[in-house]
Amino acid sequence: MSYELLLLDRDPPLATITLNRPEKRNALSHALRIELATAAGEIDADDTISVAILTGAGPVFCAGFDLSEFTPGKEVFQDPEVWTSGQLMHERLQNFGKPLIGAINGPALAGGFDIAVQCDVRIASDTAQFGHPEIKFGAPTLVTILTQIVGGAVARDLALSGRKIDAHEARRFGLVSNVVPAESVLGEATTYARVVAEAPLDALKAVKAALVKSAPFIAP
């Protein structure tokens, strides 16, 4: 399938998904949410691919949902289009059956933070930031997986306060496994993904199935 808002590159046993709306800070429009869900499903079904990498074009990983598409005066998750495509994207990523490595090339905020934590491992640029500012305008945050990664106290802090943390604080919390210069983040993530891909695909799928079962998706 061809995509308009993301790039899907296959180099078996790896595949790389790049969110490709740099002029919009890779904001998750309805169309991009659908494309991301579709690309994840496509890779999941491709037995030549063992590991996927998720990154963003330009200096931002993902600024969250595209606010320009929200209906004025309507609560965020009362909008059927926002809800259905958001639910599809989150569920497809959460149930992705292969390792997903996040090359977090810059800020990952709101819904961008959500998709970052749905990666199994995150390697961050030194320009990366993480935060849930959407709590300030009434959008509940997705905390289930974040709690599993950083622990309950930190997850509560980030989900309730909406404060942003930089890449080095994220590493102290265990949210990211490494912090590298921006120009190196995709290369570092690719090198790590190749190490993961040395394992047989069936073994990787078994581990992912156990991880998915241990952190079920809970919608806001």
Protein backbone atom coordinates (compact mmCIF):
# COMPACT_ATOMS: atom_id res chain seq x y z
CA MET A 1 0.00 0.00 0.00
CA SER A 2 1.17 3.55 -0.68
CA TYR A 3 1.04 6.16 2.08
CA GLU A 4 0.71 9.94 1.92
CA LEU A 5 1.57 10.96 5.48
CA LEU A 6 4.16 8.41 6.51
CA LEU A 7 7.08 6.59 4.97
CA LEU A 8 7.32 2.81 5.20
CA ASP A 9 10.75 1.42 4.37
CA ARG A 10 11.51 -2.29 4.44
CA ASP A 11 15.03 -3.67 4.75
CA PRO A 12 14.35 -7.21 6.00
CA PRO A 13 14.47 -8.18 8.78
CA LEU A 14 13.77 -4.51 9.67
CA ALA A 15 11.07 -2.05 8.70
CA THR A 16 11.02 1.66 9.51
CA ILE A 17 7.89 3.77 9.84
CA THR A 18 8.51 7.52 9.64
CA LEU A 19 5.74 9.96 10.51
CA ASN A 20 6.02 12.40 7.63
CA ARG A 21 4.24 15.67 8.42
CA PRO A 22 7.28 17.69 9.52
CA GLU A 23 5.58 20.98 8.63
CA LYS A 24 2.88 20.06 11.19
CA ARG A 25 5.35 18.68 13.75
CA ASN A 26 4.10 15.20 12.74
CA ALA A 27 0.75 15.91 14.38
CA LEU A 28 -1.56 12.89 14.32
CA SER A 29 -4.35 13.89 11.96
CA HIS A 30 -7.27 11.53 11.41
CA ALA A 31 -5.66 10.38 8.14
CA LEU A 32 -2.25 9.83 9.74
CA ARG A 33 -3.78 7.84 12.60
CA ILE A 34 -5.44 5.57 10.04
CA GLU A 35 -2.23 5.26 8.01
CA LEU A 36 -0.16 4.43 11.10
CA ALA A 37 -2.63 1.73 12.14
CA THR A 38 -2.62 0.33 8.61
CA ALA A 39 1.18 0.31 8.31
CA ALA A 40 1.53 -1.45 11.67
CA GLY A 41 -0.92 -4.11 10.50
CA GLU A 42 0.93 -4.50 7.22
CA ILE A 43 4.28 -5.02 8.94
CA ASP A 44 2.75 -7.37 11.50
CA ALA A 45 1.57 -9.64 8.68
CA ASP A 46 4.92 -9.63 6.84
CA ASP A 47 7.00 -12.61 7.96
CA THR A 48 10.14 -11.16 6.36
CA ILE A 49 10.09 -8.43 9.02
CA SER A 50 11.14 -9.24 12.58
CA VAL A 51 11.55 -5.78 14.11
CA ALA A 52 10.04 -2.36 13.34
CA ILE A 53 11.36 1.12 14.08
CA LEU A 54 9.11 4.14 14.59
CA THR A 55 10.44 7.68 14.15
CA GLY A 56 9.46 11.13 12.89
CA ALA A 57 10.61 13.34 10.03
CA GLY A 58 12.24 16.63 10.96
CA PRO A 59 13.12 17.85 14.47
CA VAL A 60 9.94 16.61 16.23
CA PHE A 61 8.91 13.01 16.85
CA CYS A 62 5.22 13.82 17.24
CA ALA A 63 3.38 16.79 18.74
CA GLY A 64 0.22 14.80 19.45
CA PHE A 65 -3.22 14.84 17.86
CA ASP A 66 -3.87 17.50 15.22
CA LEU A 67 -5.89 20.06 17.17
CA SER A 68 -7.01 21.81 14.00
CA GLU A 69 -9.32 18.85 13.32
CA PHE A 70 -11.14 19.01 16.65
CA THR A 71 -14.71 20.29 16.66
CA PRO A 72 -14.90 23.64 18.51
CA GLY A 73 -16.87 23.46 21.74
CA LYS A 74 -16.86 19.66 21.84
CA GLU A 75 -14.94 17.61 24.39
CA VAL A 76 -12.01 15.89 22.68
CA PHE A 77 -13.21 12.31 23.02
CA GLN A 78 -16.83 13.15 22.27
CA ASP A 79 -15.84 13.64 18.63
CA PRO A 80 -16.54 10.29 16.87
CA GLU A 81 -13.78 10.75 14.26
CA VAL A 82 -11.18 11.54 16.91
CA TRP A 83 -12.31 8.63 19.05
CA THR A 84 -12.55 5.91 16.40
CA SER A 85 -9.27 6.58 14.59
CA GLY A 86 -7.45 7.21 17.87
CA GLN A 87 -8.74 3.97 19.32
CA LEU A 88 -7.75 2.06 16.18
CA MET A 89 -4.22 3.48 16.16
CA HIS A 90 -3.60 2.86 19.86
CA GLU A 91 -4.99 -0.67 19.80
CA ARG A 92 -3.02 -1.61 16.67
CA LEU A 93 0.23 -0.37 18.21
CA GLN A 94 -0.48 -1.90 21.62
CA ASN A 95 -1.23 -5.29 20.03
CA PHE A 96 1.64 -5.13 17.54
CA GLY A 97 3.06 -8.64 17.48
CA LYS A 98 6.73 -7.83 16.91
CA PRO A 99 9.31 -5.68 18.71
CA LEU A 100 8.80 -1.97 18.05
CA ILE A 101 11.78 0.32 18.63
CA GLY A 102 11.20 4.05 19.08
CA ALA A 103 13.80 6.36 17.53
CA ILE A 104 12.58 9.44 19.39
CA ASN A 105 14.14 12.17 17.28
CA GLY A 106 12.60 15.12 19.15
CA PRO A 107 9.65 16.11 21.34
CA ALA A 108 7.02 13.41 21.90
CA LEU A 109 4.04 15.13 23.44
CA ALA A 110 0.42 14.21 24.21
CA GLY A 111 -0.60 11.53 21.70
CA GLY A 112 3.01 11.49 20.53
CA PHE A 113 4.03 10.49 24.06
CA ASP A 114 1.38 7.75 23.93
CA ILE A 115 2.80 6.21 20.76
CA ALA A 116 6.34 6.51 22.13
CA VAL A 117 5.45 4.45 25.21
CA GLN A 118 3.79 1.85 23.00
CA CYS A 119 7.23 1.13 21.59
CA ASP A 120 9.05 -1.65 23.42
CA VAL A 121 12.36 0.23 23.65
CA ARG A 122 13.01 3.95 23.14
CA ILE A 123 16.29 5.53 22.08
CA ALA A 124 16.04 9.31 22.36
CA SER A 125 17.68 12.30 20.79
CA ASP A 126 19.19 14.77 23.22
CA THR A 127 16.52 17.19 21.93
CA ALA A 128 13.64 14.92 22.93
CA GLN A 129 10.99 15.95 25.44
CA PHE A 130 8.09 13.96 26.84
CA GLY A 131 4.87 15.20 28.38
CA HIS A 132 1.08 15.01 28.58
CA PRO A 133 0.01 18.68 28.17
CA GLU A 134 -3.37 17.49 26.82
CA ILE A 135 -4.61 17.06 30.40
CA LYS A 136 -4.86 20.87 30.54
CA PHE A 137 -7.54 20.96 27.85
CA GLY A 138 -9.57 18.00 29.06
CA ALA A 139 -8.08 14.98 27.30
CA PRO A 140 -7.51 12.03 29.68
CA THR A 141 -4.02 10.58 29.45
CA LEU A 142 -3.12 6.98 28.65
CA VAL A 143 -1.25 5.79 31.75
CA THR A 144 -1.43 1.98 31.79
CA ILE A 145 1.74 1.26 29.82
CA LEU A 146 3.55 4.32 31.17
CA THR A 147 2.99 3.00 34.70
CA GLN A 148 4.52 -0.34 33.73
CA ILE A 149 7.60 1.41 32.32
CA VAL A 150 8.39 4.09 34.90
CA GLY A 151 6.37 3.03 37.94
CA GLY A 152 3.19 4.36 39.47
CA ALA A 153 4.53 7.46 41.21
CA VAL A 154 6.27 8.88 38.14
CA ALA A 155 3.37 7.97 35.83
CA ARG A 156 0.91 9.74 38.11
CA ASP A 157 3.13 12.82 38.24
CA LEU A 158 3.44 13.05 34.46
CA ALA A 159 -0.19 12.18 33.70
CA LEU A 160 -1.71 14.59 36.23
CA SER A 161 0.66 17.56 36.04
CA GLY A 162 1.17 17.67 32.28
CA ARG A 163 4.77 18.75 32.89
CA LYS A 164 7.46 18.10 30.31
CA ILE A 165 10.67 16.21 30.97
CA ASP A 166 13.81 16.25 28.85
CA ALA A 167 15.62 13.22 27.48
CA HIS A 168 18.07 12.97 30.39
CA GLU A 169 15.32 12.99 33.00
CA ALA A 170 13.48 10.41 30.90
CA ARG A 171 16.56 8.19 31.04
CA ARG A 172 16.78 8.53 34.80
CA PHE A 173 13.17 7.35 35.00
CA GLY A 174 13.88 4.38 32.70
CA LEU A 175 11.61 5.76 30.00
CA VAL A 176 14.41 5.71 27.43
CA SER A 177 17.34 3.33 27.26
CA ASN A 178 19.85 5.71 25.70
CA VAL A 179 20.25 9.38 24.80
CA VAL A 180 22.29 10.27 21.71
CA PRO A 181 22.83 13.32 19.47
CA ALA A 182 19.90 14.06 17.18
CA GLU A 183 21.80 13.09 14.04
CA SER A 184 22.61 9.65 15.52
CA VAL A 185 19.23 8.56 16.89
CA LEU A 186 17.95 6.64 13.88
CA GLY A 187 21.31 4.94 13.34
CA GLU A 188 21.49 3.90 17.01
CA ALA A 189 17.94 2.59 16.92
CA THR A 190 18.67 0.64 13.73
CA THR A 191 21.81 -0.89 15.21
CA TYR A 192 19.85 -1.94 18.29
CA ALA A 193 16.98 -3.30 16.16
CA ARG A 194 19.43 -5.51 14.26
CA VAL A 195 20.62 -6.98 17.56
CA VAL A 196 17.02 -7.78 18.51
CA ALA A 197 16.39 -9.26 15.06
CA GLU A 198 19.11 -11.87 15.62
CA ALA A 199 16.54 -13.88 17.59
CA PRO A 200 14.10 -16.14 15.72
CA LEU A 201 10.85 -14.43 14.80
CA ASP A 202 8.75 -17.01 16.66
CA ALA A 203 10.64 -16.28 19.88
CA LEU A 204 10.20 -12.54 19.44
CA LYS A 205 6.48 -12.98 18.82
CA ALA A 206 6.15 -15.10 21.96
CA VAL A 207 7.81 -12.42 24.08
CA LYS A 208 5.62 -9.71 22.54
CA ALA A 209 2.48 -11.74 23.20
CA ALA A 210 3.44 -11.97 26.87
CA LEU A 211 4.16 -8.23 27.03
CA VAL A 212 0.83 -7.35 25.45
CA LYS A 213 -0.99 -9.61 27.88
CA SER A 214 0.77 -8.02 30.84
CA ALA A 215 -0.26 -4.47 29.88
CA PRO A 216 -3.74 -4.54 28.33
CA PHE A 217 -4.86 -1.45 26.48
CA ILE A 218 -7.24 0.68 28.54
CA ALA A 219 -8.86 3.59 26.72
CA PRO A 220 -9.29 6.92 28.50
